[in-house]
Amino acid sequence: MTPTLAQDIRDAAALLASATDVTVLGHVRPDADALGSALALGRALLQRGAKVRVSFGEPDEAPETLRWLDEDGLLTHPDDLPDTEALLVCVDTPTPKRLGRLAGRVELAGAVLVIDHHATNTFYGTCHVVDERAEASAILVGRVLEELGAELDEPIARGLYAGIVTDTSGFRRASPETHRMAARLLEAGVDPEAVVRRIVDERPYAWLPMLSSVLREAQLEPAAAQGRGFVHAVVREEAARTVRGEEVESVVDVVRSVREAAVAAVLKQDLAHLGQWQISLRSRGIDVSAVAAEFGGGGHRQAAGCTIAGTAEEVLAGLREALERAPLL
């Protein structure tokens, strides 16, 4: 840990130590890192006597696979949030735009703490704990809680573990220090098999026919992505409506396994705006965060996303062009 990061963590802990009313936000369509981190932080602050709310801009409800992490009923619909906050904490969210309809709360809050691990973070708060070398925002939240002297009970540890195990792809991209943090979480009582089963492994039967219909039309372009190969699939409205959002999000983890392609993309039709596509990008060797940034999105160098309007064919054409310009890793 660099001296600067260590000081940032101390500053964040001091800010949280005096907080009595806090709203913790994750990004739109929250994943396990955003929501697990937010709920872990929220529970720790609740135990210190603060009034706490955890929310996100969309959809209206948390993913079913993550709701069980909310041990204390902290999840709050955006319409039920106060007009402003003395302290707003934004977790795993590199830019206000990723807060969706809640982005305006950043300017209204008295203080804004940003805890994030994206290289594209714009440092939009008044206090920051940002480290792109951290494999998950949950790691940074864990360090802040340690500095705060928070008790690491099982529900807090479970939220942190959920973020770490998913953002490291089952610890395949985890450093020795991250493994050591995971060991501390297990010692706090986390059941790793239960976390992975409930969040990652379990799928309803409807997932199989949906996946079959989508993969049937997947395409491999060996010469694309600067000759490194580009594989892509499209989840259209009729397929997306048969399953939960979690199942739609999981398609990219199947498509990315294609050996002949360095870049995988999944286009998911936005059910609220059928002329738009939510794009998931994964890569080996090409900076897809730069690709996503061209379309107003962002993320990590090897995992990023954005939203693009147009037909599927137009979106794919734009992605192909952007991939030819993307930096190599």
C-alpha atoms as a PDB file:
ATOM      1  CA  MET A   1       0.000   0.000   0.000  1.00  0.00           C
ATOM      2  CA  THR A   2       1.397   3.388  -0.963  1.00  0.00           C
ATOM      3  CA  PRO A   3       1.730   6.155   1.655  1.00  0.00           C
ATOM      4  CA  THR A   4      -0.843   8.214  -0.246  1.00  0.00           C
ATOM      5  CA  LEU A   5      -3.409   5.415  -0.241  1.00  0.00           C
ATOM      6  CA  ALA A   6      -2.777   4.754   3.439  1.00  0.00           C
ATOM      7  CA  GLN A   7      -3.484   8.418   4.202  1.00  0.00           C
ATOM      8  CA  ASP A   8      -6.608   8.359   2.034  1.00  0.00           C
ATOM      9  CA  ILE A   9      -7.869   5.378   4.020  1.00  0.00           C
ATOM     10  CA  ARG A  10      -7.189   7.189   7.307  1.00  0.00           C
ATOM     11  CA  ASP A  11      -9.044  10.257   6.025  1.00  0.00           C
ATOM     12  CA  ALA A  12     -12.011   8.143   4.936  1.00  0.00           C
ATOM     13  CA  ALA A  13     -12.167   6.344   8.272  1.00  0.00           C
ATOM     14  CA  ALA A  14     -12.100   9.659  10.127  1.00  0.00           C
ATOM     15  CA  LEU A  15     -14.954  10.954   7.990  1.00  0.00           C
ATOM     16  CA  LEU A  16     -17.023   7.831   8.627  1.00  0.00           C
ATOM     17  CA  ALA A  17     -16.228   7.800  12.342  1.00  0.00           C
ATOM     18  CA  SER A  18     -18.099  11.079  12.842  1.00  0.00           C
ATOM     19  CA  ALA A  19     -20.992  10.289  10.485  1.00  0.00           C
ATOM     20  CA  THR A  20     -24.496  10.006  11.936  1.00  0.00           C
ATOM     21  CA  ASP A  21     -26.568   9.900   8.726  1.00  0.00           C
ATOM     22  CA  VAL A  22     -25.209   8.246   5.594  1.00  0.00           C
ATOM     23  CA  THR A  23     -26.447   7.171   2.175  1.00  0.00           C
ATOM     24  CA  VAL A  24     -24.306   4.566   0.411  1.00  0.00           C
ATOM     25  CA  LEU A  25     -24.764   4.261  -3.347  1.00  0.00           C
ATOM     26  CA  GLY A  26     -23.634   1.621  -5.822  1.00  0.00           C
ATOM     27  CA  HIS A  27     -23.686   1.908  -9.584  1.00  0.00           C
ATOM     28  CA  VAL A  28     -26.713   1.156 -11.745  1.00  0.00           C
ATOM     29  CA  ARG A  29     -27.435  -2.538 -12.255  1.00  0.00           C
ATOM     30  CA  PRO A  30     -25.247  -3.322  -9.233  1.00  0.00           C
ATOM     31  CA  ASP A  31     -23.075  -6.407  -9.178  1.00  0.00           C
ATOM     32  CA  ALA A  32     -21.801  -8.282  -6.141  1.00  0.00           C
ATOM     33  CA  ASP A  33     -18.851  -5.951  -5.674  1.00  0.00           C
ATOM     34  CA  ALA A  34     -20.955  -2.773  -5.688  1.00  0.00           C
ATOM     35  CA  LEU A  35     -23.813  -4.099  -3.570  1.00  0.00           C
ATOM     36  CA  GLY A  36     -21.791  -6.389  -1.299  1.00  0.00           C
ATOM     37  CA  SER A  37     -19.371  -3.558  -0.526  1.00  0.00           C
ATOM     38  CA  ALA A  38     -22.157  -1.041   0.060  1.00  0.00           C
ATOM     39  CA  LEU A  39     -24.084  -3.351   2.384  1.00  0.00           C
ATOM     40  CA  ALA A  40     -20.967  -4.342   4.325  1.00  0.00           C
ATOM     41  CA  LEU A  41     -20.063  -0.687   4.853  1.00  0.00           C
ATOM     42  CA  GLY A  42     -23.654   0.171   5.682  1.00  0.00           C
ATOM     43  CA  ARG A  43     -23.921  -2.529   8.343  1.00  0.00           C
ATOM     44  CA  ALA A  44     -20.676  -1.418   9.966  1.00  0.00           C
ATOM     45  CA  LEU A  45     -21.913   2.174  10.149  1.00  0.00           C
ATOM     46  CA  LEU A  46     -25.296   1.022  11.463  1.00  0.00           C
ATOM     47  CA  GLN A  47     -23.545  -0.819  14.264  1.00  0.00           C
ATOM     48  CA  ARG A  48     -21.792   2.430  15.162  1.00  0.00           C
ATOM     49  CA  GLY A  49     -25.168   4.116  15.618  1.00  0.00           C
ATOM     50  CA  ALA A  50     -25.530   5.911  12.292  1.00  0.00           C
ATOM     51  CA  LYS A  51     -28.706   6.033  10.251  1.00  0.00           C
ATOM     52  CA  VAL A  52     -27.894   4.295   6.984  1.00  0.00           C
ATOM     53  CA  ARG A  53     -29.513   3.783   3.591  1.00  0.00           C
ATOM     54  CA  VAL A  54     -28.126   1.764   0.659  1.00  0.00           C
ATOM     55  CA  SER A  55     -29.439   2.426  -2.837  1.00  0.00           C
ATOM     56  CA  PHE A  56     -28.739   2.466  -6.590  1.00  0.00           C
ATOM     57  CA  GLY A  57     -30.291   4.166  -9.598  1.00  0.00           C
ATOM     58  CA  GLU A  58     -31.703   1.197 -11.495  1.00  0.00           C
ATOM     59  CA  PRO A  59     -33.423  -1.212 -11.673  1.00  0.00           C
ATOM     60  CA  ASP A  60     -36.105  -0.734  -9.015  1.00  0.00           C
ATOM     61  CA  GLU A  61     -35.053  -3.883  -7.133  1.00  0.00           C
ATOM     62  CA  ALA A  62     -31.713  -5.465  -6.339  1.00  0.00           C
ATOM     63  CA  PRO A  63     -30.799  -8.624  -8.241  1.00  0.00           C
ATOM     64  CA  GLU A  64     -32.471 -11.598  -6.607  1.00  0.00           C
ATOM     65  CA  THR A  65     -29.120 -13.342  -6.199  1.00  0.00           C
ATOM     66  CA  LEU A  66     -27.824 -10.470  -4.042  1.00  0.00           C
ATOM     67  CA  ARG A  67     -30.798  -9.554  -1.860  1.00  0.00           C
ATOM     68  CA  TRP A  68     -29.831 -12.061   0.804  1.00  0.00           C
ATOM     69  CA  LEU A  69     -26.744  -9.971   1.541  1.00  0.00           C
ATOM     70  CA  ASP A  70     -29.012  -7.267   3.003  1.00  0.00           C
ATOM     71  CA  GLU A  71     -29.051  -8.549   6.568  1.00  0.00           C
ATOM     72  CA  ASP A  72     -30.392  -5.305   8.038  1.00  0.00           C
ATOM     73  CA  GLY A  73     -32.984  -4.112   5.528  1.00  0.00           C
ATOM     74  CA  LEU A  74     -30.771  -1.231   4.395  1.00  0.00           C
ATOM     75  CA  LEU A  75     -31.788  -1.330   0.731  1.00  0.00           C
ATOM     76  CA  THR A  76     -33.828   1.775  -0.002  1.00  0.00           C
ATOM     77  CA  HIS A  77     -35.751   2.698  -3.154  1.00  0.00           C
ATOM     78  CA  PRO A  78     -34.459   5.936  -4.745  1.00  0.00           C
ATOM     79  CA  ASP A  79     -37.843   7.590  -4.233  1.00  0.00           C
ATOM     80  CA  ASP A  80     -37.485   7.060  -0.480  1.00  0.00           C
ATOM     81  CA  LEU A  81     -34.107   8.755  -0.111  1.00  0.00           C
ATOM     82  CA  PRO A  82     -33.904  12.142   1.629  1.00  0.00           C
ATOM     83  CA  ASP A  83     -33.541  15.277  -0.474  1.00  0.00           C
ATOM     84  CA  THR A  84     -29.851  15.589   0.427  1.00  0.00           C
ATOM     85  CA  GLU A  85     -27.238  13.882   2.576  1.00  0.00           C
ATOM     86  CA  ALA A  86     -24.651  15.186   4.988  1.00  0.00           C
ATOM     87  CA  LEU A  87     -22.461  12.286   3.809  1.00  0.00           C
ATOM     88  CA  LEU A  88     -22.847  10.407   0.547  1.00  0.00           C
ATOM     89  CA  VAL A  89     -20.645   7.357  -0.084  1.00  0.00           C
ATOM     90  CA  CYS A  90     -20.286   6.118  -3.663  1.00  0.00           C
ATOM     91  CA  VAL A  91     -18.901   2.593  -3.939  1.00  0.00           C
ATOM     92  CA  ASP A  92     -17.485   0.909  -7.061  1.00  0.00           C
ATOM     93  CA  THR A  93     -18.666   3.877  -9.147  1.00  0.00           C
ATOM     94  CA  PRO A  94     -16.003   5.643 -11.250  1.00  0.00           C
ATOM     95  CA  THR A  95     -18.147   8.561 -12.478  1.00  0.00           C
ATOM     96  CA  PRO A  96     -21.411  10.197 -11.364  1.00  0.00           C
ATOM     97  CA  LYS A  97     -22.965   9.082 -14.649  1.00  0.00           C
ATOM     98  CA  ARG A  98     -22.766   5.481 -13.427  1.00  0.00           C
ATOM     99  CA  LEU A  99     -25.165   6.430 -10.610  1.00  0.00           C
ATOM    100  CA  GLY A 100     -27.916   6.871 -13.187  1.00  0.00           C
ATOM    101  CA  ARG A 101     -30.830   8.933 -11.934  1.00  0.00           C
ATOM    102  CA  LEU A 102     -29.043   9.432  -8.598  1.00  0.00           C
ATOM    103  CA  ALA A 103     -26.083  11.279 -10.152  1.00  0.00           C
ATOM    104  CA  GLY A 104     -27.435  14.680  -9.110  1.00  0.00           C
ATOM    105  CA  ARG A 105     -27.102  13.769  -5.444  1.00  0.00           C
ATOM    106  CA  VAL A 106     -23.325  14.168  -5.690  1.00  0.00           C
ATOM    107  CA  GLU A 107     -23.552  17.953  -6.080  1.00  0.00           C
ATOM    108  CA  LEU A 108     -26.170  18.289  -3.324  1.00  0.00           C
ATOM    109  CA  ALA A 109     -24.396  16.264  -0.623  1.00  0.00           C
ATOM    110  CA  GLY A 110     -22.411  17.922   2.139  1.00  0.00           C
ATOM    111  CA  ALA A 111     -19.483  15.511   1.685  1.00  0.00           C
ATOM    112  CA  VAL A 112     -18.895  12.748  -0.846  1.00  0.00           C
ATOM    113  CA  LEU A 113     -16.648   9.759  -0.161  1.00  0.00           C
ATOM    114  CA  VAL A 114     -15.696   7.723  -3.236  1.00  0.00           C
ATOM    115  CA  ILE A 115     -14.361   4.173  -2.735  1.00  0.00           C
ATOM    116  CA  ASP A 116     -13.496   2.568  -6.051  1.00  0.00           C
ATOM    117  CA  HIS A 117     -10.976   0.481  -7.969  1.00  0.00           C
ATOM    118  CA  HIS A 118     -11.631   1.568 -11.567  1.00  0.00           C
ATOM    119  CA  ALA A 119      -8.812   3.129 -13.587  1.00  0.00           C
ATOM    120  CA  THR A 120     -11.403   5.447 -15.151  1.00  0.00           C
ATOM    121  CA  ASN A 121     -12.377   7.069 -11.830  1.00  0.00           C
ATOM    122  CA  THR A 122     -12.747  10.856 -12.213  1.00  0.00           C
ATOM    123  CA  PHE A 123     -12.248  11.713  -8.494  1.00  0.00           C
ATOM    124  CA  TYR A 124     -15.598  13.465  -8.255  1.00  0.00           C
ATOM    125  CA  GLY A 125     -15.931  13.395  -4.472  1.00  0.00           C
ATOM    126  CA  THR A 126     -14.548  15.426  -1.593  1.00  0.00           C
ATOM    127  CA  CYS A 127     -12.666  12.408  -0.183  1.00  0.00           C
ATOM    128  CA  HIS A 128     -11.335   9.458  -2.174  1.00  0.00           C
ATOM    129  CA  VAL A 129     -10.073   5.932  -1.647  1.00  0.00           C
ATOM    130  CA  VAL A 130      -9.301   4.960  -5.223  1.00  0.00           C
ATOM    131  CA  ASP A 131      -6.786   2.296  -6.230  1.00  0.00           C
ATOM    132  CA  GLU A 132      -6.941   0.628  -9.629  1.00  0.00           C
ATOM    133  CA  ARG A 133      -4.525  -2.055  -8.411  1.00  0.00           C
ATOM    134  CA  ALA A 134      -7.166  -3.376  -6.020  1.00  0.00           C
ATOM    135  CA  GLU A 135      -8.978  -6.270  -7.648  1.00  0.00           C
ATOM    136  CA  ALA A 136     -12.318  -5.236  -6.120  1.00  0.00           C
ATOM    137  CA  SER A 137     -13.824  -2.244  -4.377  1.00  0.00           C
ATOM    138  CA  ALA A 138     -14.645  -4.654  -1.552  1.00  0.00           C
ATOM    139  CA  ILE A 139     -10.927  -4.849  -0.785  1.00  0.00           C
ATOM    140  CA  LEU A 140     -10.756  -1.089  -0.301  1.00  0.00           C
ATOM    141  CA  VAL A 141     -13.924  -1.071   1.800  1.00  0.00           C
ATOM    142  CA  GLY A 142     -12.371  -3.818   3.909  1.00  0.00           C
ATOM    143  CA  ARG A 143      -9.263  -1.696   4.497  1.00  0.00           C
ATOM    144  CA  VAL A 144     -11.373   1.328   5.452  1.00  0.00           C
ATOM    145  CA  LEU A 145     -13.387  -0.781   7.918  1.00  0.00           C
ATOM    146  CA  GLU A 146     -10.177  -2.129   9.422  1.00  0.00           C
ATOM    147  CA  GLU A 147      -8.900   1.437   9.906  1.00  0.00           C
ATOM    148  CA  LEU A 148     -12.285   2.359  11.405  1.00  0.00           C
ATOM    149  CA  GLY A 149     -11.954  -0.471  13.916  1.00  0.00           C
ATOM    150  CA  ALA A 150     -15.242  -2.017  12.814  1.00  0.00           C
ATOM    151  CA  GLU A 151     -16.114  -5.493  14.044  1.00  0.00           C
ATOM    152  CA  LEU A 152     -15.826  -7.994  11.203  1.00  0.00           C
ATOM    153  CA  ASP A 153     -18.929 -10.107  11.781  1.00  0.00           C
ATOM    154  CA  GLU A 154     -20.259 -12.709   9.358  1.00  0.00           C
ATOM    155  CA  PRO A 155     -22.738 -10.490   7.435  1.00  0.00           C
ATOM    156  CA  ILE A 156     -20.099  -7.796   6.864  1.00  0.00           C
ATOM    157  CA  ALA A 157     -17.534 -10.404   5.868  1.00  0.00           C
ATOM    158  CA  ARG A 158     -20.074 -12.068   3.555  1.00  0.00           C
ATOM    159  CA  GLY A 159     -20.704  -8.843   1.643  1.00  0.00           C
ATOM    160  CA  LEU A 160     -16.987  -8.230   1.208  1.00  0.00           C
ATOM    161  CA  TYR A 161     -16.326 -11.836   0.201  1.00  0.00           C
ATOM    162  CA  ALA A 162     -19.099 -11.676  -2.421  1.00  0.00           C
ATOM    163  CA  GLY A 163     -17.424  -8.682  -4.032  1.00  0.00           C
ATOM    164  CA  ILE A 164     -13.958 -10.176  -3.979  1.00  0.00           C
ATOM    165  CA  VAL A 165     -14.804 -13.668  -5.216  1.00  0.00           C
ATOM    166  CA  THR A 166     -16.786 -12.349  -8.177  1.00  0.00           C
ATOM    167  CA  ASP A 167     -14.481  -9.514  -9.257  1.00  0.00           C
ATOM    168  CA  THR A 168     -11.436 -11.801  -9.156  1.00  0.00           C
ATOM    169  CA  SER A 169     -13.220 -14.560 -11.135  1.00  0.00           C
ATOM    170  CA  GLY A 170     -13.018 -16.966  -8.237  1.00  0.00           C
ATOM    171  CA  PHE A 171      -9.599 -15.660  -7.075  1.00  0.00           C
ATOM    172  CA  ARG A 172      -7.971 -16.352 -10.427  1.00  0.00           C
ATOM    173  CA  ARG A 173      -6.775 -12.717 -10.499  1.00  0.00           C
ATOM    174  CA  ALA A 174      -6.161 -12.295  -6.774  1.00  0.00           C
ATOM    175  CA  SER A 175      -2.894 -11.153  -5.203  1.00  0.00           C
ATOM    176  CA  PRO A 176      -1.410 -12.834  -2.122  1.00  0.00           C
ATOM    177  CA  GLU A 177      -2.711  -9.964   0.038  1.00  0.00           C
ATOM    178  CA  THR A 178      -6.216 -10.456  -1.361  1.00  0.00           C
ATOM    179  CA  HIS A 179      -6.037 -14.146  -0.498  1.00  0.00           C
ATOM    180  CA  ARG A 180      -4.998 -13.149   3.009  1.00  0.00           C
ATOM    181  CA  MET A 181      -7.978 -10.808   3.295  1.00  0.00           C
ATOM    182  CA  ALA A 182     -10.251 -13.599   2.068  1.00  0.00           C
ATOM    183  CA  ALA A 183      -8.846 -15.865   4.772  1.00  0.00           C
ATOM    184  CA  ARG A 184      -9.812 -13.283   7.392  1.00  0.00           C
ATOM    185  CA  LEU A 185     -13.324 -13.171   5.960  1.00  0.00           C
ATOM    186  CA  LEU A 186     -13.602 -16.952   6.171  1.00  0.00           C
ATOM    187  CA  GLU A 187     -12.394 -16.814   9.770  1.00  0.00           C
ATOM    188  CA  ALA A 188     -15.255 -14.389  10.440  1.00  0.00           C
ATOM    189  CA  GLY A 189     -17.705 -17.127   9.475  1.00  0.00           C
ATOM    190  CA  VAL A 190     -18.301 -16.784   5.735  1.00  0.00           C
ATOM    191  CA  ASP A 191     -19.433 -19.980   3.999  1.00  0.00           C
ATOM    192  CA  PRO A 192     -17.604 -19.711   0.637  1.00  0.00           C
ATOM    193  CA  GLU A 193     -19.549 -22.543  -0.991  1.00  0.00           C
ATOM    194  CA  ALA A 194     -22.874 -20.915  -0.138  1.00  0.00           C
ATOM    195  CA  VAL A 195     -21.803 -17.489  -1.415  1.00  0.00           C
ATOM    196  CA  VAL A 196     -20.556 -18.777  -4.763  1.00  0.00           C
ATOM    197  CA  ARG A 197     -23.489 -21.152  -5.210  1.00  0.00           C
ATOM    198  CA  ARG A 198     -26.144 -18.525  -4.538  1.00  0.00           C
ATOM    199  CA  ILE A 199     -24.525 -15.717  -6.516  1.00  0.00           C
ATOM    200  CA  VAL A 200     -22.689 -17.459  -9.358  1.00  0.00           C
ATOM    201  CA  ASP A 201     -23.596 -21.102  -9.824  1.00  0.00           C
ATOM    202  CA  GLU A 202     -27.354 -21.464  -9.401  1.00  0.00           C
ATOM    203  CA  ARG A 203     -29.545 -20.744 -12.432  1.00  0.00           C
ATOM    204  CA  PRO A 204     -33.235 -21.353 -13.153  1.00  0.00           C
ATOM    205  CA  TYR A 205     -34.051 -23.867 -15.865  1.00  0.00           C
ATOM    206  CA  ALA A 206     -35.157 -21.023 -18.182  1.00  0.00           C
ATOM    207  CA  TRP A 207     -31.496 -20.025 -18.409  1.00  0.00           C
ATOM    208  CA  LEU A 208     -30.719 -23.080 -20.556  1.00  0.00           C
ATOM    209  CA  PRO A 209     -33.095 -22.376 -23.477  1.00  0.00           C
ATOM    210  CA  MET A 210     -32.211 -18.662 -23.334  1.00  0.00           C
ATOM    211  CA  LEU A 211     -28.497 -19.451 -23.477  1.00  0.00           C
ATOM    212  CA  SER A 212     -29.053 -21.946 -26.267  1.00  0.00           C
ATOM    213  CA  SER A 213     -30.915 -19.422 -28.417  1.00  0.00           C
ATOM    214  CA  VAL A 214     -28.279 -16.737 -27.862  1.00  0.00           C
ATOM    215  CA  LEU A 215     -25.222 -18.924 -28.435  1.00  0.00           C
ATOM    216  CA  ARG A 216     -26.737 -20.379 -31.582  1.00  0.00           C
ATOM    217  CA  GLU A 217     -26.162 -16.998 -33.245  1.00  0.00           C
ATOM    218  CA  ALA A 218     -22.789 -16.169 -31.670  1.00  0.00           C
ATOM    219  CA  GLN A 219     -20.088 -15.264 -34.172  1.00  0.00           C
ATOM    220  CA  LEU A 220     -16.300 -15.439 -34.188  1.00  0.00           C
ATOM    221  CA  GLU A 221     -14.268 -12.945 -36.252  1.00  0.00           C
ATOM    222  CA  PRO A 222     -10.644 -14.162 -36.132  1.00  0.00           C
ATOM    223  CA  ALA A 223      -9.210 -11.147 -37.987  1.00  0.00           C
ATOM    224  CA  ALA A 224     -10.936  -8.504 -35.849  1.00  0.00           C
ATOM    225  CA  ALA A 225      -9.543  -6.824 -32.716  1.00  0.00           C
ATOM    226  CA  GLN A 226      -6.180  -6.148 -34.383  1.00  0.00           C
ATOM    227  CA  GLY A 227      -5.973  -9.747 -35.529  1.00  0.00           C
ATOM    228  CA  ARG A 228      -6.463 -11.168 -32.049  1.00  0.00           C
ATOM    229  CA  GLY A 229     -10.014 -12.351 -32.570  1.00  0.00           C
ATOM    230  CA  PHE A 230     -13.433 -10.997 -31.619  1.00  0.00           C
ATOM    231  CA  VAL A 231     -16.362 -13.159 -30.500  1.00  0.00           C
ATOM    232  CA  HIS A 232     -19.797 -11.702 -29.866  1.00  0.00           C
ATOM    233  CA  ALA A 233     -23.361 -12.665 -29.057  1.00  0.00           C
ATOM    234  CA  VAL A 234     -26.637 -10.787 -28.916  1.00  0.00           C
ATOM    235  CA  VAL A 235     -29.337 -11.123 -26.257  1.00  0.00           C
ATOM    236  CA  ARG A 236     -32.462  -9.739 -27.869  1.00  0.00           C
ATOM    237  CA  GLU A 237     -35.641  -8.653 -26.133  1.00  0.00           C
ATOM    238  CA  GLU A 238     -37.522 -11.921 -26.611  1.00  0.00           C
ATOM    239  CA  ALA A 239     -34.718 -13.913 -24.978  1.00  0.00           C
ATOM    240  CA  ALA A 240     -34.023 -11.383 -22.217  1.00  0.00           C
ATOM    241  CA  ARG A 241     -37.647 -11.364 -21.062  1.00  0.00           C
ATOM    242  CA  THR A 242     -37.581 -15.107 -20.296  1.00  0.00           C
ATOM    243  CA  VAL A 243     -35.014 -14.817 -17.468  1.00  0.00           C
ATOM    244  CA  ARG A 244     -33.788 -12.548 -14.694  1.00  0.00           C
ATOM    245  CA  GLY A 245     -31.205  -9.858 -15.291  1.00  0.00           C
ATOM    246  CA  GLU A 246     -28.622 -12.061 -13.589  1.00  0.00           C
ATOM    247  CA  GLU A 247     -28.964 -14.686 -16.295  1.00  0.00           C
ATOM    248  CA  VAL A 248     -28.575 -12.106 -19.053  1.00  0.00           C
ATOM    249  CA  GLU A 249     -25.447 -10.746 -17.359  1.00  0.00           C
ATOM    250  CA  SER A 250     -23.982 -14.247 -17.102  1.00  0.00           C
ATOM    251  CA  VAL A 251     -23.868 -14.784 -20.876  1.00  0.00           C
ATOM    252  CA  VAL A 252     -20.578 -12.920 -21.209  1.00  0.00           C
ATOM    253  CA  ASP A 253     -18.882 -15.397 -18.870  1.00  0.00           C
ATOM    254  CA  VAL A 254     -19.706 -18.151 -21.357  1.00  0.00           C
ATOM    255  CA  VAL A 255     -18.798 -16.210 -24.486  1.00  0.00           C
ATOM    256  CA  ARG A 256     -15.482 -15.009 -23.056  1.00  0.00           C
ATOM    257  CA  SER A 257     -14.252 -18.612 -22.778  1.00  0.00           C
ATOM    258  CA  VAL A 258     -13.693 -18.890 -26.540  1.00  0.00           C
ATOM    259  CA  ARG A 259      -9.998 -19.629 -26.987  1.00  0.00           C
ATOM    260  CA  GLU A 260      -9.663 -18.112 -30.451  1.00  0.00           C
ATOM    261  CA  ALA A 261     -10.779 -14.619 -29.410  1.00  0.00           C
ATOM    262  CA  ALA A 262      -8.933 -12.059 -27.284  1.00  0.00           C
ATOM    263  CA  VAL A 263     -12.100  -9.940 -26.982  1.00  0.00           C
ATOM    264  CA  ALA A 264     -15.656 -10.995 -26.188  1.00  0.00           C
ATOM    265  CA  ALA A 265     -18.728  -8.792 -26.351  1.00  0.00           C
ATOM    266  CA  VAL A 266     -22.332  -9.418 -25.430  1.00  0.00           C
ATOM    267  CA  LEU A 267     -25.026  -7.012 -26.613  1.00  0.00           C
ATOM    268  CA  LYS A 268     -28.040  -7.012 -24.304  1.00  0.00           C
ATOM    269  CA  GLN A 269     -31.150  -5.226 -25.512  1.00  0.00           C
ATOM    270  CA  ASP A 270     -32.303  -2.656 -22.969  1.00  0.00           C
ATOM    271  CA  LEU A 271     -35.835  -3.705 -22.068  1.00  0.00           C
ATOM    272  CA  ALA A 272     -36.763  -0.156 -21.040  1.00  0.00           C
ATOM    273  CA  HIS A 273     -35.299   1.395 -24.210  1.00  0.00           C
ATOM    274  CA  LEU A 274     -35.383  -1.169 -27.004  1.00  0.00           C
ATOM    275  CA  GLY A 275     -33.288   1.007 -29.298  1.00  0.00           C
ATOM    276  CA  GLN A 276     -30.348   0.773 -26.896  1.00  0.00           C
ATOM    277  CA  TRP A 277     -27.935  -2.014 -26.061  1.00  0.00           C
ATOM    278  CA  GLN A 278     -26.048  -2.622 -22.839  1.00  0.00           C
ATOM    279  CA  ILE A 279     -22.603  -3.886 -23.816  1.00  0.00           C
ATOM    280  CA  SER A 280     -20.399  -6.198 -21.755  1.00  0.00           C
ATOM    281  CA  LEU A 281     -16.776  -6.416 -22.887  1.00  0.00           C
ATOM    282  CA  ARG A 282     -14.099  -8.858 -21.743  1.00  0.00           C
ATOM    283  CA  SER A 283     -10.559  -9.167 -23.042  1.00  0.00           C
ATOM    284  CA  ARG A 284      -7.155 -10.732 -22.912  1.00  0.00           C
ATOM    285  CA  GLY A 285      -4.523  -8.343 -24.197  1.00  0.00           C
ATOM    286  CA  ILE A 286      -6.608  -5.346 -25.342  1.00  0.00           C
ATOM    287  CA  ASP A 287      -7.750  -2.421 -23.188  1.00  0.00           C
ATOM    288  CA  VAL A 288     -11.544  -2.619 -23.472  1.00  0.00           C
ATOM    289  CA  SER A 289     -11.989   0.214 -20.974  1.00  0.00           C
ATOM    290  CA  ALA A 290     -10.750   2.496 -23.762  1.00  0.00           C
ATOM    291  CA  VAL A 291     -13.331   0.991 -26.111  1.00  0.00           C
ATOM    292  CA  ALA A 292     -16.129   1.489 -23.600  1.00  0.00           C
ATOM    293  CA  ALA A 293     -14.984   5.065 -22.939  1.00  0.00           C
ATOM    294  CA  GLU A 294     -15.510   5.952 -26.609  1.00  0.00           C
ATOM    295  CA  PHE A 295     -19.212   5.286 -26.060  1.00  0.00           C
ATOM    296  CA  GLY A 296     -19.525   7.006 -22.699  1.00  0.00           C
ATOM    297  CA  GLY A 297     -18.870   3.909 -20.603  1.00  0.00           C
ATOM    298  CA  GLY A 298     -15.879   2.614 -18.696  1.00  0.00           C
ATOM    299  CA  GLY A 299     -14.602  -0.085 -16.419  1.00  0.00           C
ATOM    300  CA  HIS A 300     -11.421  -2.108 -16.204  1.00  0.00           C
ATOM    301  CA  ARG A 301      -8.855  -2.774 -18.884  1.00  0.00           C
ATOM    302  CA  GLN A 302      -9.984  -6.387 -19.159  1.00  0.00           C
ATOM    303  CA  ALA A 303     -13.664  -5.947 -18.264  1.00  0.00           C
ATOM    304  CA  ALA A 304     -15.744  -2.934 -19.203  1.00  0.00           C
ATOM    305  CA  GLY A 305     -19.166  -1.875 -20.384  1.00  0.00           C
ATOM    306  CA  CYS A 306     -21.195   0.860 -22.034  1.00  0.00           C
ATOM    307  CA  THR A 307     -24.602   1.609 -23.548  1.00  0.00           C
ATOM    308  CA  ILE A 308     -24.934   2.226 -27.291  1.00  0.00           C
ATOM    309  CA  ALA A 309     -27.998   3.158 -29.350  1.00  0.00           C
ATOM    310  CA  GLY A 310     -28.699   1.722 -32.791  1.00  0.00           C
ATOM    311  CA  THR A 311     -29.277  -1.645 -34.389  1.00  0.00           C
ATOM    312  CA  ALA A 312     -27.204  -4.610 -33.282  1.00  0.00           C
ATOM    313  CA  GLU A 313     -25.341  -4.491 -36.581  1.00  0.00           C
ATOM    314  CA  GLU A 314     -24.531  -0.799 -36.137  1.00  0.00           C
ATOM    315  CA  VAL A 315     -23.340  -1.371 -32.586  1.00  0.00           C
ATOM    316  CA  LEU A 316     -21.068  -4.224 -33.633  1.00  0.00           C
ATOM    317  CA  ALA A 317     -19.620  -2.114 -36.444  1.00  0.00           C
ATOM    318  CA  GLY A 318     -18.777   0.622 -33.949  1.00  0.00           C
ATOM    319  CA  LEU A 319     -17.170  -1.856 -31.565  1.00  0.00           C
ATOM    320  CA  ARG A 320     -15.046  -3.353 -34.358  1.00  0.00           C
ATOM    321  CA  GLU A 321     -13.703   0.091 -35.276  1.00  0.00           C
ATOM    322  CA  ALA A 322     -12.988   1.011 -31.666  1.00  0.00           C
ATOM    323  CA  LEU A 323     -11.166  -2.257 -31.067  1.00  0.00           C
ATOM    324  CA  GLU A 324      -8.773  -1.461 -33.903  1.00  0.00           C
ATOM    325  CA  ARG A 325      -7.785   1.735 -32.034  1.00  0.00           C
ATOM    326  CA  ALA A 326      -7.650   0.264 -28.535  1.00  0.00           C
ATOM    327  CA  PRO A 327      -4.306   0.081 -26.687  1.00  0.00           C
ATOM    328  CA  LEU A 328      -2.717  -3.319 -26.267  1.00  0.00           C
ATOM    329  CA  LEU A 329      -1.957  -4.640 -22.792  1.00  0.00           C
END
